[in-house]
Amino acid sequence: MGVSGSGKSCIGALLASRLGVTFIDGDDYHSPASIDKMANGIPLGDEDRREWLETLAGLIGDHRRRDAPLVLACSALKRPYRELLRRGDPELIFLFLDGEREQLRQRLIAREEHFFRGEAMLDSQLHDLEAPDALEAVVSNIAATPDAIVTAFLQAKPECRRRRD
């Protein structure tokens, strides 16, 4: 989880590969209307995100019922969003990819093929972000390499689960 440009897709795919499990990019499940809004620099609100988050929670729940582990990349900016996702699996563990605004901005500028555009959009997500604490998520700084982030998460994951209990 994290704002746009934090590396969710890259880290998620690498983590899923290391674990040998399914990877789902939450961006693939945005509605056409939401994608159009973001492509035009219009930030999504809670109502725009509700159906999307419910869909993702359903995917998480489906995988849980089939005992099929998965890694999901999703912004999950606010605590209520994360709680909605946990409806799919109460044991869900979050990896929060945290970074400085300037590094995030530079990453967004470098992306050419993505619908999320503009500094105003980044500022909107940073404003909405309710950063999780160490009881809710494993926190990693995006200044680290993707490999280092995944390795640290895999080492911290069991401890994160114990803290939530």
Protein backbone atom coordinates (compact mmCIF):
# COMPACT_ATOMS: atom_id res chain seq x y z
CA MET A 1 0.00 0.00 0.00
CA GLY A 2 1.01 3.60 -0.52
CA VAL A 3 0.44 6.61 -2.70
CA SER A 4 0.92 6.52 -6.44
CA GLY A 5 4.57 6.26 -7.40
CA SER A 6 5.58 4.41 -4.24
CA GLY A 7 6.31 1.21 -6.15
CA LYS A 8 3.32 -0.93 -5.21
CA SER A 9 3.17 -2.79 -8.52
CA CYS A 10 6.91 -3.40 -8.70
CA ILE A 11 7.24 -4.50 -5.07
CA GLY A 12 4.01 -6.52 -5.19
CA ALA A 13 5.08 -8.43 -8.29
CA LEU A 14 8.52 -9.12 -6.81
CA LEU A 15 7.03 -10.27 -3.51
CA ALA A 16 4.52 -12.54 -5.25
CA SER A 17 7.30 -14.00 -7.38
CA ARG A 18 9.44 -14.70 -4.32
CA LEU A 19 6.51 -16.36 -2.57
CA GLY A 20 5.30 -18.20 -5.67
CA VAL A 21 1.78 -16.79 -5.32
CA THR A 22 -0.70 -14.82 -7.43
CA PHE A 23 -0.18 -11.08 -7.87
CA ILE A 24 -3.12 -8.74 -8.44
CA ASP A 25 -2.62 -5.08 -9.29
CA GLY A 26 -5.56 -3.18 -7.83
CA ASP A 27 -5.25 -0.55 -10.56
CA ASP A 28 -6.57 -3.14 -13.02
CA TYR A 29 -9.92 -3.07 -11.20
CA HIS A 30 -10.67 0.65 -11.28
CA SER A 31 -13.87 1.51 -13.14
CA PRO A 32 -13.57 3.27 -16.51
CA ALA A 33 -15.13 6.36 -14.91
CA SER A 34 -12.47 6.42 -12.17
CA ILE A 35 -9.66 5.92 -14.67
CA ASP A 36 -11.06 8.78 -16.75
CA LYS A 37 -11.19 11.03 -13.69
CA MET A 38 -7.60 10.28 -12.73
CA ALA A 39 -6.36 10.65 -16.31
CA ASN A 40 -7.92 14.12 -16.30
CA GLY A 41 -6.25 15.07 -13.01
CA ILE A 42 -9.39 14.72 -10.89
CA PRO A 43 -8.71 13.00 -7.57
CA LEU A 44 -10.95 10.15 -6.49
CA GLY A 45 -13.11 10.56 -3.42
CA ASP A 46 -14.36 7.99 -0.94
CA GLU A 47 -17.43 7.19 -3.03
CA ASP A 48 -15.32 6.69 -6.16
CA ARG A 49 -13.17 4.21 -4.27
CA ARG A 50 -15.90 2.29 -2.43
CA GLU A 51 -16.95 -0.09 -5.23
CA TRP A 52 -13.31 -0.61 -6.20
CA LEU A 53 -12.32 -1.51 -2.63
CA GLU A 54 -15.33 -3.81 -2.28
CA THR A 55 -14.28 -5.60 -5.48
CA LEU A 56 -10.74 -6.00 -4.14
CA ALA A 57 -12.04 -7.27 -0.79
CA GLY A 58 -14.10 -9.82 -2.74
CA LEU A 59 -10.99 -10.98 -4.60
CA ILE A 60 -9.09 -11.27 -1.33
CA GLY A 61 -11.97 -13.23 0.21
CA ASP A 62 -12.19 -15.55 -2.78
CA HIS A 63 -8.50 -16.36 -2.54
CA ARG A 64 -8.80 -16.85 1.24
CA ARG A 65 -11.72 -19.31 0.84
CA ARG A 66 -9.70 -21.28 -1.71
CA ASP A 67 -6.62 -21.17 0.55
CA ALA A 68 -4.80 -19.55 -2.37
CA PRO A 69 -2.32 -16.95 -1.08
CA LEU A 70 -2.03 -13.71 -2.97
CA VAL A 71 -0.27 -10.37 -3.04
CA LEU A 72 -2.41 -7.36 -3.90
CA ALA A 73 -1.16 -3.87 -4.78
CA CYS A 74 -3.61 -1.19 -3.65
CA SER A 75 -3.22 2.37 -2.40
CA ALA A 76 -5.37 1.69 0.73
CA LEU A 77 -4.76 5.29 1.76
CA LYS A 78 -7.15 5.50 4.69
CA ARG A 79 -7.67 3.28 7.72
CA PRO A 80 -11.34 2.61 6.78
CA TYR A 81 -10.18 1.46 3.33
CA ARG A 82 -7.82 -1.03 4.95
CA GLU A 83 -10.57 -2.25 7.25
CA LEU A 84 -12.84 -2.75 4.23
CA LEU A 85 -10.10 -4.82 2.55
CA ARG A 86 -9.77 -6.88 5.74
CA ARG A 87 -13.37 -7.97 5.31
CA GLY A 88 -11.94 -10.27 2.65
CA ASP A 89 -9.34 -11.63 5.06
CA PRO A 90 -8.97 -10.47 8.67
CA GLU A 91 -5.37 -11.76 8.64
CA LEU A 92 -4.37 -9.41 5.82
CA ILE A 93 -0.89 -7.96 6.34
CA PHE A 94 -0.04 -4.58 4.83
CA LEU A 95 3.32 -3.37 3.57
CA PHE A 96 3.30 0.43 3.60
CA LEU A 97 5.67 1.91 1.01
CA ASP A 98 6.54 5.30 2.44
CA GLY A 99 8.50 7.97 0.62
CA GLU A 100 9.31 11.64 0.34
CA ARG A 101 7.12 13.78 -1.90
CA GLU A 102 9.98 14.74 -4.23
CA GLN A 103 11.00 11.13 -4.86
CA LEU A 104 7.36 10.20 -5.52
CA ARG A 105 6.99 13.18 -7.88
CA GLN A 106 10.08 12.17 -9.84
CA ARG A 107 8.78 8.63 -10.21
CA LEU A 108 5.42 9.87 -11.48
CA ILE A 109 7.10 12.14 -14.02
CA ALA A 110 9.05 9.14 -15.34
CA ARG A 111 5.89 7.07 -15.90
CA GLU A 112 4.52 7.54 -19.38
CA GLU A 113 1.98 4.74 -19.73
CA HIS A 114 -0.02 5.21 -16.52
CA PHE A 115 -3.35 7.00 -16.13
CA PHE A 116 -2.40 8.67 -12.82
CA ARG A 117 -0.95 12.06 -13.68
CA GLY A 118 -0.07 15.35 -12.09
CA GLU A 119 1.34 16.84 -8.94
CA ALA A 120 -2.13 17.86 -7.77
CA MET A 121 -3.12 14.19 -7.83
CA LEU A 122 -0.06 13.25 -5.77
CA ASP A 123 -0.75 16.05 -3.31
CA SER A 124 -4.35 14.85 -3.00
CA GLN A 125 -3.20 11.33 -2.14
CA LEU A 126 -0.61 12.60 0.33
CA HIS A 127 -3.32 14.72 1.95
CA ASP A 128 -5.69 11.73 2.19
CA LEU A 129 -3.03 9.33 3.44
CA GLU A 130 -3.62 8.00 6.93
CA ALA A 131 -0.24 6.36 7.37
CA PRO A 132 -0.46 3.08 9.25
CA ASP A 133 1.64 2.56 12.34
CA ALA A 134 3.81 -0.45 13.11
CA LEU A 135 0.82 -2.27 14.65
CA GLU A 136 -1.12 -2.06 11.39
CA ALA A 137 1.58 -2.56 8.75
CA VAL A 138 5.19 -3.28 8.01
CA VAL A 139 6.62 0.10 6.99
CA SER A 140 9.39 0.40 4.37
CA ASN A 141 11.01 3.48 2.91
CA ILE A 142 10.99 3.50 -0.89
CA ALA A 143 14.58 4.77 -0.93
CA ALA A 144 15.63 1.13 -0.38
CA THR A 145 15.98 -1.21 -3.33
CA PRO A 146 12.96 -3.35 -4.25
CA ASP A 147 14.90 -6.47 -3.24
CA ALA A 148 15.76 -4.98 0.16
CA ILE A 149 12.13 -3.92 0.73
CA VAL A 150 10.81 -7.41 -0.06
CA THR A 151 13.46 -9.11 2.07
CA ALA A 152 12.72 -6.82 5.04
CA PHE A 153 8.99 -7.43 4.67
CA LEU A 154 9.41 -11.21 4.60
CA GLN A 155 11.49 -11.02 7.77
CA ALA A 156 9.04 -8.67 9.54
CA LYS A 157 5.76 -10.27 8.40
CA PRO A 158 5.39 -12.78 11.27
CA GLU A 159 6.18 -10.09 13.84
CA CYS A 160 3.53 -7.80 12.33
CA ARG A 161 0.91 -10.54 12.70
CA ARG A 162 1.83 -11.06 16.40
CA ARG A 163 1.55 -7.33 17.13
CA ARG A 164 -2.01 -7.25 15.76
CA ASP A 165 -3.15 -10.17 17.96
